[in-house]
């Protein structure tokens, strides 16, 4: 196993922060019924304190290593799909969306 360097720690923190910054607000809005989706599916909305505690727990897991595992899986998926930096953005987005969707299932 390669040694842990400042650069690896910095990359982990940046990747984890980016992952949380884009997902937490959207998930919190869905949790708390901001868009009215829960009621349309016959579900109760999640209380604000439960939603906040879930997001804090998810944040802890992400910084503790789940963010690294998520990014490693995403990078593997991109390698398997032969996605490069110069690949069409729409194709890159599609592969990332499939990966995230597969994890949710």
PDB file of N, CA and C in Angstrom:
ATOM      1  N   UNK A   1       0.849  -1.182   0.000  1.00  0.00           N
ATOM      2  CA  UNK A   1       0.000   0.000   0.000  1.00  0.00           C
ATOM      3  C   UNK A   1       0.891   1.241   0.000  1.00  0.00           C
ATOM      4  N   UNK A   2       0.531   2.193  -0.831  1.00  0.00           N
ATOM      5  CA  UNK A   2       1.321   3.413  -0.955  1.00  0.00           C
ATOM      6  C   UNK A   2       1.161   4.272   0.302  1.00  0.00           C
ATOM      7  N   UNK A   3       2.217   4.985   0.673  1.00  0.00           N
ATOM      8  CA  UNK A   3       2.133   5.834   1.874  1.00  0.00           C
ATOM      9  C   UNK A   3       1.148   6.992   1.673  1.00  0.00           C
ATOM     10  N   UNK A   4       0.580   7.435   2.779  1.00  0.00           N
ATOM     11  CA  UNK A   4      -0.350   8.561   2.748  1.00  0.00           C
ATOM     12  C   UNK A   4       0.468   9.850   2.732  1.00  0.00           C
ATOM     13  N   UNK A   5       0.203  10.686   1.746  1.00  0.00           N
ATOM     14  CA  UNK A   5       0.928  11.943   1.616  1.00  0.00           C
ATOM     15  C   UNK A   5      -0.043  13.114   1.804  1.00  0.00           C
ATOM     16  N   UNK A   6       0.532  14.302   1.969  1.00  0.00           N
ATOM     17  CA  UNK A   6      -0.308  15.500   2.088  1.00  0.00           C
ATOM     18  C   UNK A   6      -1.160  15.685   0.838  1.00  0.00           C
ATOM     19  N   UNK A   7      -0.590  15.362  -0.314  1.00  0.00           N
ATOM     20  CA  UNK A   7      -1.331  15.511  -1.573  1.00  0.00           C
ATOM     21  C   UNK A   7      -2.539  14.574  -1.617  1.00  0.00           C
ATOM     22  N   UNK A   8      -2.381  13.343  -1.154  1.00  0.00           N
ATOM     23  CA  UNK A   8      -3.499  12.392  -1.133  1.00  0.00           C
ATOM     24  C   UNK A   8      -4.579  12.848  -0.160  1.00  0.00           C
ATOM     25  N   UNK A   9      -4.173  13.366   0.981  1.00  0.00           N
ATOM     26  CA  UNK A   9      -5.139  13.863   1.964  1.00  0.00           C
ATOM     27  C   UNK A   9      -5.889  15.061   1.390  1.00  0.00           C
ATOM     28  N   UNK A  10      -5.149  15.975   0.761  1.00  0.00           N
ATOM     29  CA  UNK A  10      -5.769  17.151   0.146  1.00  0.00           C
ATOM     30  C   UNK A  10      -6.779  16.726  -0.915  1.00  0.00           C
ATOM     31  N   UNK A  11      -6.400  15.777  -1.761  1.00  0.00           N
ATOM     32  CA  UNK A  11      -7.295  15.303  -2.820  1.00  0.00           C
ATOM     33  C   UNK A  11      -8.543  14.654  -2.219  1.00  0.00           C
ATOM     34  N   UNK A  12      -8.370  13.872  -1.159  1.00  0.00           N
ATOM     35  CA  UNK A  12      -9.511  13.230  -0.500  1.00  0.00           C
ATOM     36  C   UNK A  12     -10.470  14.271   0.069  1.00  0.00           C
ATOM     37  N   UNK A  13      -9.938  15.282   0.726  1.00  0.00           N
ATOM     38  CA  UNK A  13     -10.780  16.327   1.315  1.00  0.00           C
ATOM     39  C   UNK A  13     -11.505  17.107   0.221  1.00  0.00           C
ATOM     40  N   UNK A  14     -10.804  17.448  -0.843  1.00  0.00           N
ATOM     41  CA  UNK A  14     -11.424  18.197  -1.938  1.00  0.00           C
ATOM     42  C   UNK A  14     -12.516  17.362  -2.612  1.00  0.00           C
ATOM     43  N   UNK A  15     -12.216  16.098  -2.930  1.00  0.00           N
ATOM     44  CA  UNK A  15     -13.211  15.232  -3.573  1.00  0.00           C
ATOM     45  C   UNK A  15     -14.423  15.006  -2.671  1.00  0.00           C
ATOM     46  N   UNK A  16     -14.177  14.752  -1.396  1.00  0.00           N
ATOM     47  CA  UNK A  16     -15.278  14.506  -0.462  1.00  0.00           C
ATOM     48  C   UNK A  16     -16.140  15.751  -0.291  1.00  0.00           C
ATOM     49  N   UNK A  17     -15.511  16.909  -0.195  1.00  0.00           N
ATOM     50  CA  UNK A  17     -16.249  18.160  -0.051  1.00  0.00           C
ATOM     51  C   UNK A  17     -17.096  18.426  -1.293  1.00  0.00           C
ATOM     52  N   UNK A  18     -16.518  18.195  -2.458  1.00  0.00           N
ATOM     53  CA  UNK A  18     -17.276  18.389  -3.700  1.00  0.00           C
ATOM     54  C   UNK A  18     -18.468  17.452  -3.791  1.00  0.00           C
ATOM     55  N   UNK A  19     -18.257  16.205  -3.412  1.00  0.00           N
ATOM     56  CA  UNK A  19     -19.337  15.215  -3.426  1.00  0.00           C
ATOM     57  C   UNK A  19     -20.468  15.628  -2.489  1.00  0.00           C
ATOM     58  N   UNK A  20     -20.108  16.080  -1.301  1.00  0.00           N
ATOM     59  CA  UNK A  20     -21.119  16.493  -0.318  1.00  0.00           C
ATOM     60  C   UNK A  20     -21.810  17.792  -0.720  1.00  0.00           C
ATOM     61  N   UNK A  21     -21.047  18.732  -1.270  1.00  0.00           N
ATOM     62  CA  UNK A  21     -21.607  20.035  -1.627  1.00  0.00           C
ATOM     63  C   UNK A  21     -22.667  19.926  -2.712  1.00  0.00           C
ATOM     64  N   UNK A  22     -22.516  18.954  -3.601  1.00  0.00           N
ATOM     65  CA  UNK A  22     -23.507  18.832  -4.667  1.00  0.00           C
ATOM     66  C   UNK A  22     -24.682  17.932  -4.282  1.00  0.00           C
ATOM     67  N   UNK A  23     -24.510  17.063  -3.314  1.00  0.00           N
ATOM     68  CA  UNK A  23     -25.577  16.107  -3.016  1.00  0.00           C
ATOM     69  C   UNK A  23     -26.410  16.464  -1.780  1.00  0.00           C
ATOM     70  N   UNK A  24     -25.797  16.976  -0.742  1.00  0.00           N
ATOM     71  CA  UNK A  24     -26.510  17.219   0.520  1.00  0.00           C
ATOM     72  C   UNK A  24     -27.693  18.184   0.355  1.00  0.00           C
ATOM     73  N   UNK A  25     -27.544  19.339  -0.289  1.00  0.00           N
ATOM     74  CA  UNK A  25     -28.701  20.243  -0.394  1.00  0.00           C
ATOM     75  C   UNK A  25     -29.877  19.623  -1.151  1.00  0.00           C
ATOM     76  N   UNK A  26     -29.590  18.917  -2.227  1.00  0.00           N
ATOM     77  CA  UNK A  26     -30.659  18.301  -3.017  1.00  0.00           C
ATOM     78  C   UNK A  26     -31.358  17.214  -2.214  1.00  0.00           C
ATOM     79  N   UNK A  27     -30.567  16.345  -1.568  1.00  0.00           N
ATOM     80  CA  UNK A  27     -31.158  15.269  -0.773  1.00  0.00           C
ATOM     81  C   UNK A  27     -31.942  15.815   0.413  1.00  0.00           C
ATOM     82  N   UNK A  28     -31.456  16.869   1.030  1.00  0.00           N
ATOM     83  CA  UNK A  28     -32.183  17.478   2.149  1.00  0.00           C
ATOM     84  C   UNK A  28     -33.520  18.040   1.682  1.00  0.00           C
ATOM     85  N   UNK A  29     -33.536  18.639   0.510  1.00  0.00           N
ATOM     86  CA  UNK A  29     -34.785  19.186  -0.026  1.00  0.00           C
ATOM     87  C   UNK A  29     -35.797  18.069  -0.280  1.00  0.00           C
ATOM     88  N   UNK A  30     -35.333  16.952  -0.822  1.00  0.00           N
ATOM     89  CA  UNK A  30     -36.238  15.827  -1.050  1.00  0.00           C
ATOM     90  C   UNK A  30     -36.705  15.226   0.271  1.00  0.00           C
ATOM     91  N   UNK A  31     -35.772  15.072   1.230  1.00  0.00           N
ATOM     92  CA  UNK A  31     -36.114  14.506   2.540  1.00  0.00           C
ATOM     93  C   UNK A  31     -37.225  15.274   3.229  1.00  0.00           C
ATOM     94  N   UNK A  32     -37.072  16.569   3.253  1.00  0.00           N
ATOM     95  CA  UNK A  32     -37.975  17.399   4.050  1.00  0.00           C
ATOM     96  C   UNK A  32     -39.231  17.803   3.291  1.00  0.00           C
ATOM     97  N   UNK A  33     -39.401  17.285   2.102  1.00  0.00           N
ATOM     98  CA  UNK A  33     -40.630  17.530   1.354  1.00  0.00           C
ATOM     99  C   UNK A  33     -40.727  18.880   0.709  1.00  0.00           C
ATOM    100  N   UNK A  34     -39.570  19.522   0.493  1.00  0.00           N
ATOM    101  CA  UNK A  34     -39.588  20.860  -0.088  1.00  0.00           C
ATOM    102  C   UNK A  34     -40.272  20.865  -1.459  1.00  0.00           C
ATOM    103  N   UNK A  35     -40.102  19.781  -2.213  1.00  0.00           N
ATOM    104  CA  UNK A  35     -40.681  19.732  -3.555  1.00  0.00           C
ATOM    105  C   UNK A  35     -42.046  19.050  -3.580  1.00  0.00           C
ATOM    106  N   UNK A  36     -42.536  18.609  -2.420  1.00  0.00           N
ATOM    107  CA  UNK A  36     -43.836  17.964  -2.354  1.00  0.00           C
ATOM    108  C   UNK A  36     -43.870  16.567  -2.951  1.00  0.00           C
ATOM    109  N   UNK A  37     -42.706  15.972  -3.197  1.00  0.00           N
ATOM    110  CA  UNK A  37     -42.672  14.649  -3.814  1.00  0.00           C
ATOM    111  C   UNK A  37     -43.100  13.552  -2.860  1.00  0.00           C
ATOM    112  N   UNK A  38     -42.762  13.678  -1.581  1.00  0.00           N
ATOM    113  CA  UNK A  38     -43.112  12.634  -0.622  1.00  0.00           C
ATOM    114  C   UNK A  38     -44.621  12.431  -0.600  1.00  0.00           C
ATOM    115  N   UNK A  39     -45.360  13.518  -0.536  1.00  0.00           N
ATOM    116  CA  UNK A  39     -46.809  13.430  -0.469  1.00  0.00           C
ATOM    117  C   UNK A  39     -47.389  12.836  -1.744  1.00  0.00           C
ATOM    118  N   UNK A  40     -46.787  13.143  -2.894  1.00  0.00           N
ATOM    119  CA  UNK A  40     -47.315  12.611  -4.153  1.00  0.00           C
ATOM    120  C   UNK A  40     -47.121  11.102  -4.257  1.00  0.00           C
ATOM    121  N   UNK A  41     -46.164  10.546  -3.507  1.00  0.00           N
ATOM    122  CA  UNK A  41     -45.968   9.100  -3.483  1.00  0.00           C
ATOM    123  C   UNK A  41     -46.612   8.461  -2.251  1.00  0.00           C
ATOM    124  N   UNK A  42     -47.366   9.233  -1.500  1.00  0.00           N
ATOM    125  CA  UNK A  42     -48.033   8.715  -0.317  1.00  0.00           C
ATOM    126  C   UNK A  42     -47.096   8.501   0.862  1.00  0.00           C
ATOM    127  N   UNK A  43     -45.972   9.198   0.877  1.00  0.00           N
ATOM    128  CA  UNK A  43     -45.001   9.067   1.959  1.00  0.00           C
ATOM    129  C   UNK A  43     -45.052  10.285   2.868  1.00  0.00           C
ATOM    130  N   UNK A  44     -44.628  10.091   4.097  1.00  0.00           N
ATOM    131  CA  UNK A  44     -44.526  11.220   5.019  1.00  0.00           C
ATOM    132  C   UNK A  44     -43.193  11.917   4.801  1.00  0.00           C
ATOM    133  N   UNK A  45     -43.188  13.188   5.013  1.00  0.00           N
ATOM    134  CA  UNK A  45     -41.922  13.904   4.886  1.00  0.00           C
ATOM    135  C   UNK A  45     -41.072  13.646   6.125  1.00  0.00           C
ATOM    136  N   UNK A  46     -39.753  13.686   5.944  1.00  0.00           N
ATOM    137  CA  UNK A  46     -38.812  13.432   7.036  1.00  0.00           C
ATOM    138  C   UNK A  46     -38.685  14.706   7.863  1.00  0.00           C
ATOM    139  N   UNK A  47     -38.783  14.605   9.193  1.00  0.00           N
ATOM    140  CA  UNK A  47     -38.608  15.811  10.028  1.00  0.00           C
ATOM    141  C   UNK A  47     -37.222  16.430   9.814  1.00  0.00           C
ATOM    142  N   UNK A  48     -37.139  17.744   9.986  1.00  0.00           N
ATOM    143  CA  UNK A  48     -35.885  18.458   9.742  1.00  0.00           C
ATOM    144  C   UNK A  48     -34.723  17.933  10.576  1.00  0.00           C
ATOM    145  N   UNK A  49     -34.968  17.623  11.857  1.00  0.00           N
ATOM    146  CA  UNK A  49     -33.864  17.161  12.708  1.00  0.00           C
ATOM    147  C   UNK A  49     -33.361  15.783  12.264  1.00  0.00           C
ATOM    148  N   UNK A  50     -34.243  14.915  11.820  1.00  0.00           N
ATOM    149  CA  UNK A  50     -33.838  13.586  11.337  1.00  0.00           C
ATOM    150  C   UNK A  50     -33.033  13.734  10.054  1.00  0.00           C
ATOM    151  N   UNK A  51     -33.484  14.609   9.168  1.00  0.00           N
ATOM    152  CA  UNK A  51     -32.766  14.855   7.916  1.00  0.00           C
ATOM    153  C   UNK A  51     -31.370  15.414   8.195  1.00  0.00           C
ATOM    154  N   UNK A  52     -31.285  16.378   9.108  1.00  0.00           N
ATOM    155  CA  UNK A  52     -29.991  16.982   9.444  1.00  0.00           C
ATOM    156  C   UNK A  52     -29.049  15.953  10.056  1.00  0.00           C
ATOM    157  N   UNK A  53     -29.568  15.107  10.963  1.00  0.00           N
ATOM    158  CA  UNK A  53     -28.726  14.070  11.571  1.00  0.00           C
ATOM    159  C   UNK A  53     -28.238  13.071  10.528  1.00  0.00           C
ATOM    160  N   UNK A  54     -29.091  12.711   9.579  1.00  0.00           N
ATOM    161  CA  UNK A  54     -28.690  11.793   8.515  1.00  0.00           C
ATOM    162  C   UNK A  54     -27.584  12.403   7.660  1.00  0.00           C
ATOM    163  N   UNK A  55     -27.705  13.700   7.384  1.00  0.00           N
ATOM    164  CA  UNK A  55     -26.680  14.374   6.566  1.00  0.00           C
ATOM    165  C   UNK A  55     -25.356  14.482   7.334  1.00  0.00           C
ATOM    166  N   UNK A  56     -25.417  14.729   8.630  1.00  0.00           N
ATOM    167  CA  UNK A  56     -24.194  14.768   9.443  1.00  0.00           C
ATOM    168  C   UNK A  56     -23.518  13.395   9.480  1.00  0.00           C
ATOM    169  N   UNK A  57     -24.312  12.348   9.613  1.00  0.00           N
ATOM    170  CA  UNK A  57     -23.782  10.988   9.608  1.00  0.00           C
ATOM    171  C   UNK A  57     -23.127  10.676   8.261  1.00  0.00           C
ATOM    172  N   UNK A  58     -23.804  11.041   7.170  1.00  0.00           N
ATOM    173  CA  UNK A  58     -23.269  10.819   5.826  1.00  0.00           C
ATOM    174  C   UNK A  58     -21.970  11.598   5.620  1.00  0.00           C
ATOM    175  N   UNK A  59     -21.912  12.808   6.159  1.00  0.00           N
ATOM    176  CA  UNK A  59     -20.696  13.618   6.046  1.00  0.00           C
ATOM    177  C   UNK A  59     -19.539  12.944   6.770  1.00  0.00           C
ATOM    178  N   UNK A  60     -19.792  12.448   7.974  1.00  0.00           N
ATOM    179  CA  UNK A  60     -18.755  11.734   8.717  1.00  0.00           C
ATOM    180  C   UNK A  60     -18.259  10.509   7.971  1.00  0.00           C
ATOM    181  N   UNK A  61     -19.192   9.723   7.424  1.00  0.00           N
ATOM    182  CA  UNK A  61     -18.799   8.540   6.655  1.00  0.00           C
ATOM    183  C   UNK A  61     -17.975   8.915   5.427  1.00  0.00           C
ATOM    184  N   UNK A  62     -18.374   9.988   4.772  1.00  0.00           N
ATOM    185  CA  UNK A  62     -17.672  10.413   3.560  1.00  0.00           C
ATOM    186  C   UNK A  62     -16.228  10.791   3.871  1.00  0.00           C
ATOM    187  N   UNK A  63     -16.021  11.616   4.890  1.00  0.00           N
ATOM    188  CA  UNK A  63     -14.659  12.016   5.240  1.00  0.00           C
ATOM    189  C   UNK A  63     -13.863  10.868   5.860  1.00  0.00           C
ATOM    190  N   UNK A  64     -14.559   9.893   6.461  1.00  0.00           N
ATOM    191  CA  UNK A  64     -13.867   8.756   7.083  1.00  0.00           C
ATOM    192  C   UNK A  64     -13.386   7.731   6.055  1.00  0.00           C
ATOM    193  N   UNK A  65     -13.811   7.858   4.809  1.00  0.00           N
ATOM    194  CA  UNK A  65     -13.309   6.937   3.800  1.00  0.00           C
ATOM    195  C   UNK A  65     -14.294   6.524   2.733  1.00  0.00           C
ATOM    196  N   UNK A  66     -15.581   6.718   2.970  1.00  0.00           N
ATOM    197  CA  UNK A  66     -16.554   6.332   1.950  1.00  0.00           C
ATOM    198  C   UNK A  66     -16.439   7.211   0.706  1.00  0.00           C
ATOM    199  N   UNK A  67     -16.019   8.458   0.886  1.00  0.00           N
ATOM    200  CA  UNK A  67     -15.797   9.333  -0.266  1.00  0.00           C
ATOM    201  C   UNK A  67     -14.680   8.795  -1.135  1.00  0.00           C
ATOM    202  N   UNK A  68     -13.627   8.288  -0.506  1.00  0.00           N
ATOM    203  CA  UNK A  68     -12.513   7.689  -1.245  1.00  0.00           C
ATOM    204  C   UNK A  68     -12.990   6.455  -2.000  1.00  0.00           C
ATOM    205  N   UNK A  69     -13.782   5.620  -1.331  1.00  0.00           N
ATOM    206  CA  UNK A  69     -14.294   4.404  -1.971  1.00  0.00           C
ATOM    207  C   UNK A  69     -15.210   4.758  -3.146  1.00  0.00           C
ATOM    208  N   UNK A  70     -16.045   5.773  -2.967  1.00  0.00           N
ATOM    209  CA  UNK A  70     -16.928   6.214  -4.043  1.00  0.00           C
ATOM    210  C   UNK A  70     -16.118   6.672  -5.249  1.00  0.00           C
ATOM    211  N   UNK A  71     -15.110   7.509  -5.004  1.00  0.00           N
ATOM    212  CA  UNK A  71     -14.301   8.025  -6.107  1.00  0.00           C
ATOM    213  C   UNK A  71     -13.484   6.922  -6.776  1.00  0.00           C
ATOM    214  N   UNK A  72     -13.001   5.950  -6.002  1.00  0.00           N
ATOM    215  CA  UNK A  72     -12.258   4.835  -6.585  1.00  0.00           C
ATOM    216  C   UNK A  72     -13.162   4.029  -7.512  1.00  0.00           C
ATOM    217  N   UNK A  73     -14.400   3.790  -7.093  1.00  0.00           N
ATOM    218  CA  UNK A  73     -15.352   3.075  -7.942  1.00  0.00           C
ATOM    219  C   UNK A  73     -15.702   3.865  -9.188  1.00  0.00           C
ATOM    220  N   UNK A  74     -15.856   5.163  -9.040  1.00  0.00           N
ATOM    221  CA  UNK A  74     -16.153   6.030 -10.188  1.00  0.00           C
ATOM    222  C   UNK A  74     -14.999   6.014 -11.185  1.00  0.00           C
ATOM    223  N   UNK A  75     -13.779   6.090 -10.677  1.00  0.00           N
ATOM    224  CA  UNK A  75     -12.616   6.059 -11.562  1.00  0.00           C
ATOM    225  C   UNK A  75     -12.501   4.716 -12.281  1.00  0.00           C
ATOM    226  N   UNK A  76     -12.816   3.620 -11.579  1.00  0.00           N
ATOM    227  CA  UNK A  76     -12.804   2.299 -12.203  1.00  0.00           C
ATOM    228  C   UNK A  76     -13.850   2.230 -13.306  1.00  0.00           C
ATOM    229  N   UNK A  77     -15.040   2.729 -13.027  1.00  0.00           N
ATOM    230  CA  UNK A  77     -16.107   2.739 -14.038  1.00  0.00           C
ATOM    231  C   UNK A  77     -15.681   3.543 -15.263  1.00  0.00           C
ATOM    232  N   UNK A  78     -15.016   4.664 -15.036  1.00  0.00           N
ATOM    233  CA  UNK A  78     -14.547   5.481 -16.160  1.00  0.00           C
ATOM    234  C   UNK A  78     -13.476   4.760 -16.969  1.00  0.00           C
ATOM    235  N   UNK A  79     -12.597   4.016 -16.276  1.00  0.00           N
ATOM    236  CA  UNK A  79     -11.578   3.238 -17.002  1.00  0.00           C
ATOM    237  C   UNK A  79     -12.213   2.139 -17.843  1.00  0.00           C
ATOM    238  N   UNK A  80     -13.181   1.437 -17.259  1.00  0.00           N
ATOM    239  CA  UNK A  80     -13.868   0.357 -17.977  1.00  0.00           C
ATOM    240  C   UNK A  80     -14.601   0.916 -19.200  1.00  0.00           C
ATOM    241  N   UNK A  81     -15.205   2.085 -19.061  1.00  0.00           N
ATOM    242  CA  UNK A  81     -15.935   2.712 -20.160  1.00  0.00           C
ATOM    243  C   UNK A  81     -15.008   3.477 -21.105  1.00  0.00           C
ATOM    244  N   UNK A  82     -13.716   3.470 -20.814  1.00  0.00           N
ATOM    245  CA  UNK A  82     -12.700   4.167 -21.627  1.00  0.00           C
ATOM    246  C   UNK A  82     -12.982   5.662 -21.755  1.00  0.00           C
ATOM    247  N   UNK A  83     -13.328   6.258 -20.631  1.00  0.00           N
ATOM    248  CA  UNK A  83     -13.572   7.704 -20.577  1.00  0.00           C
ATOM    249  C   UNK A  83     -12.256   8.401 -20.285  1.00  0.00           C
ATOM    250  N   UNK A  84     -11.916   9.365 -21.098  1.00  0.00           N
ATOM    251  CA  UNK A  84     -10.703  10.172 -20.928  1.00  0.00           C
ATOM    252  C   UNK A  84     -11.109  11.618 -20.653  1.00  0.00           C
ATOM    253  N   UNK A  85     -10.137  12.451 -20.301  1.00  0.00           N
ATOM    254  CA  UNK A  85     -10.413  13.867 -20.043  1.00  0.00           C
ATOM    255  C   UNK A  85     -11.007  14.565 -21.270  1.00  0.00           C
ATOM    256  N   UNK A  86     -10.616  14.138 -22.462  1.00  0.00           N
ATOM    257  CA  UNK A  86     -11.075  14.793 -23.687  1.00  0.00           C
ATOM    258  C   UNK A  86     -12.346  14.168 -24.252  1.00  0.00           C
ATOM    259  N   UNK A  87     -12.903  13.167 -23.567  1.00  0.00           N
ATOM    260  CA  UNK A  87     -14.149  12.545 -24.016  1.00  0.00           C
ATOM    261  C   UNK A  87     -15.282  13.552 -23.908  1.00  0.00           C
ATOM    262  N   UNK A  88     -16.240  13.459 -24.809  1.00  0.00           N
ATOM    263  CA  UNK A  88     -17.402  14.333 -24.828  1.00  0.00           C
ATOM    264  C   UNK A  88     -18.010  14.436 -23.434  1.00  0.00           C
ATOM    265  N   UNK A  89     -18.314  15.668 -22.998  1.00  0.00           N
ATOM    266  CA  UNK A  89     -18.862  15.915 -21.658  1.00  0.00           C
ATOM    267  C   UNK A  89     -20.167  15.161 -21.429  1.00  0.00           C
ATOM    268  N   UNK A  90     -21.007  15.079 -22.442  1.00  0.00           N
ATOM    269  CA  UNK A  90     -22.288  14.391 -22.300  1.00  0.00           C
ATOM    270  C   UNK A  90     -22.067  12.913 -22.003  1.00  0.00           C
ATOM    271  N   UNK A  91     -21.083  12.303 -22.652  1.00  0.00           N
ATOM    272  CA  UNK A  91     -20.753  10.900 -22.413  1.00  0.00           C
ATOM    273  C   UNK A  91     -20.195  10.716 -21.007  1.00  0.00           C
ATOM    274  N   UNK A  92     -19.333  11.628 -20.581  1.00  0.00           N
ATOM    275  CA  UNK A  92     -18.787  11.562 -19.221  1.00  0.00           C
ATOM    276  C   UNK A  92     -19.914  11.660 -18.190  1.00  0.00           C
ATOM    277  N   UNK A  93     -20.832  12.596 -18.420  1.00  0.00           N
ATOM    278  CA  UNK A  93     -21.956  12.773 -17.509  1.00  0.00           C
ATOM    279  C   UNK A  93     -22.804  11.502 -17.464  1.00  0.00           C
ATOM    280  N   UNK A  94     -23.035  10.890 -18.625  1.00  0.00           N
ATOM    281  CA  UNK A  94     -23.850   9.680 -18.685  1.00  0.00           C
ATOM    282  C   UNK A  94     -23.245   8.526 -17.896  1.00  0.00           C
ATOM    283  N   UNK A  95     -21.947   8.329 -18.026  1.00  0.00           N
ATOM    284  CA  UNK A  95     -21.274   7.257 -17.286  1.00  0.00           C
ATOM    285  C   UNK A  95     -21.325   7.538 -15.793  1.00  0.00           C
ATOM    286  N   UNK A  96     -21.087   8.783 -15.396  1.00  0.00           N
ATOM    287  CA  UNK A  96     -21.169   9.149 -13.973  1.00  0.00           C
ATOM    288  C   UNK A  96     -22.590   8.957 -13.429  1.00  0.00           C
ATOM    289  N   UNK A  97     -23.594   9.323 -14.219  1.00  0.00           N
ATOM    290  CA  UNK A  97     -24.983   9.161 -13.789  1.00  0.00           C
ATOM    291  C   UNK A  97     -25.340   7.684 -13.633  1.00  0.00           C
ATOM    292  N   UNK A  98     -24.886   6.856 -14.551  1.00  0.00           N
ATOM    293  CA  UNK A  98     -25.126   5.402 -14.431  1.00  0.00           C
ATOM    294  C   UNK A  98     -24.474   4.834 -13.181  1.00  0.00           C
ATOM    295  N   UNK A  99     -23.239   5.272 -12.899  1.00  0.00           N
ATOM    296  CA  UNK A  99     -22.541   4.791 -11.702  1.00  0.00           C
ATOM    297  C   UNK A  99     -23.281   5.191 -10.427  1.00  0.00           C
ATOM    298  N   UNK A 100     -23.666   6.457 -10.347  1.00  0.00           N
ATOM    299  CA  UNK A 100     -24.397   6.935  -9.157  1.00  0.00           C
ATOM    300  C   UNK A 100     -25.738   6.230  -9.029  1.00  0.00           C
ATOM    301  N   UNK A 101     -26.432   6.062 -10.150  1.00  0.00           N
ATOM    302  CA  UNK A 101     -27.710   5.365 -10.129  1.00  0.00           C
ATOM    303  C   UNK A 101     -27.582   3.925  -9.673  1.00  0.00           C
ATOM    304  N   UNK A 102     -26.514   3.258 -10.110  1.00  0.00           N
ATOM    305  CA  UNK A 102     -26.289   1.864  -9.698  1.00  0.00           C
ATOM    306  C   UNK A 102     -26.033   1.781  -8.206  1.00  0.00           C
ATOM    307  N   UNK A 103     -25.351   2.758  -7.629  1.00  0.00           N
ATOM    308  CA  UNK A 103     -25.091   2.756  -6.199  1.00  0.00           C
ATOM    309  C   UNK A 103     -26.358   2.975  -5.383  1.00  0.00           C
ATOM    310  N   UNK A 104     -27.259   3.767  -5.915  1.00  0.00           N
ATOM    311  CA  UNK A 104     -28.501   4.044  -5.197  1.00  0.00           C
ATOM    312  C   UNK A 104     -29.376   2.798  -5.123  1.00  0.00           C
ATOM    313  N   UNK A 105     -29.332   2.004  -6.177  1.00  0.00           N
ATOM    314  CA  UNK A 105     -30.139   0.776  -6.185  1.00  0.00           C
ATOM    315  C   UNK A 105     -29.585  -0.157  -5.176  1.00  0.00           C
TER     316      UNK A 105
END
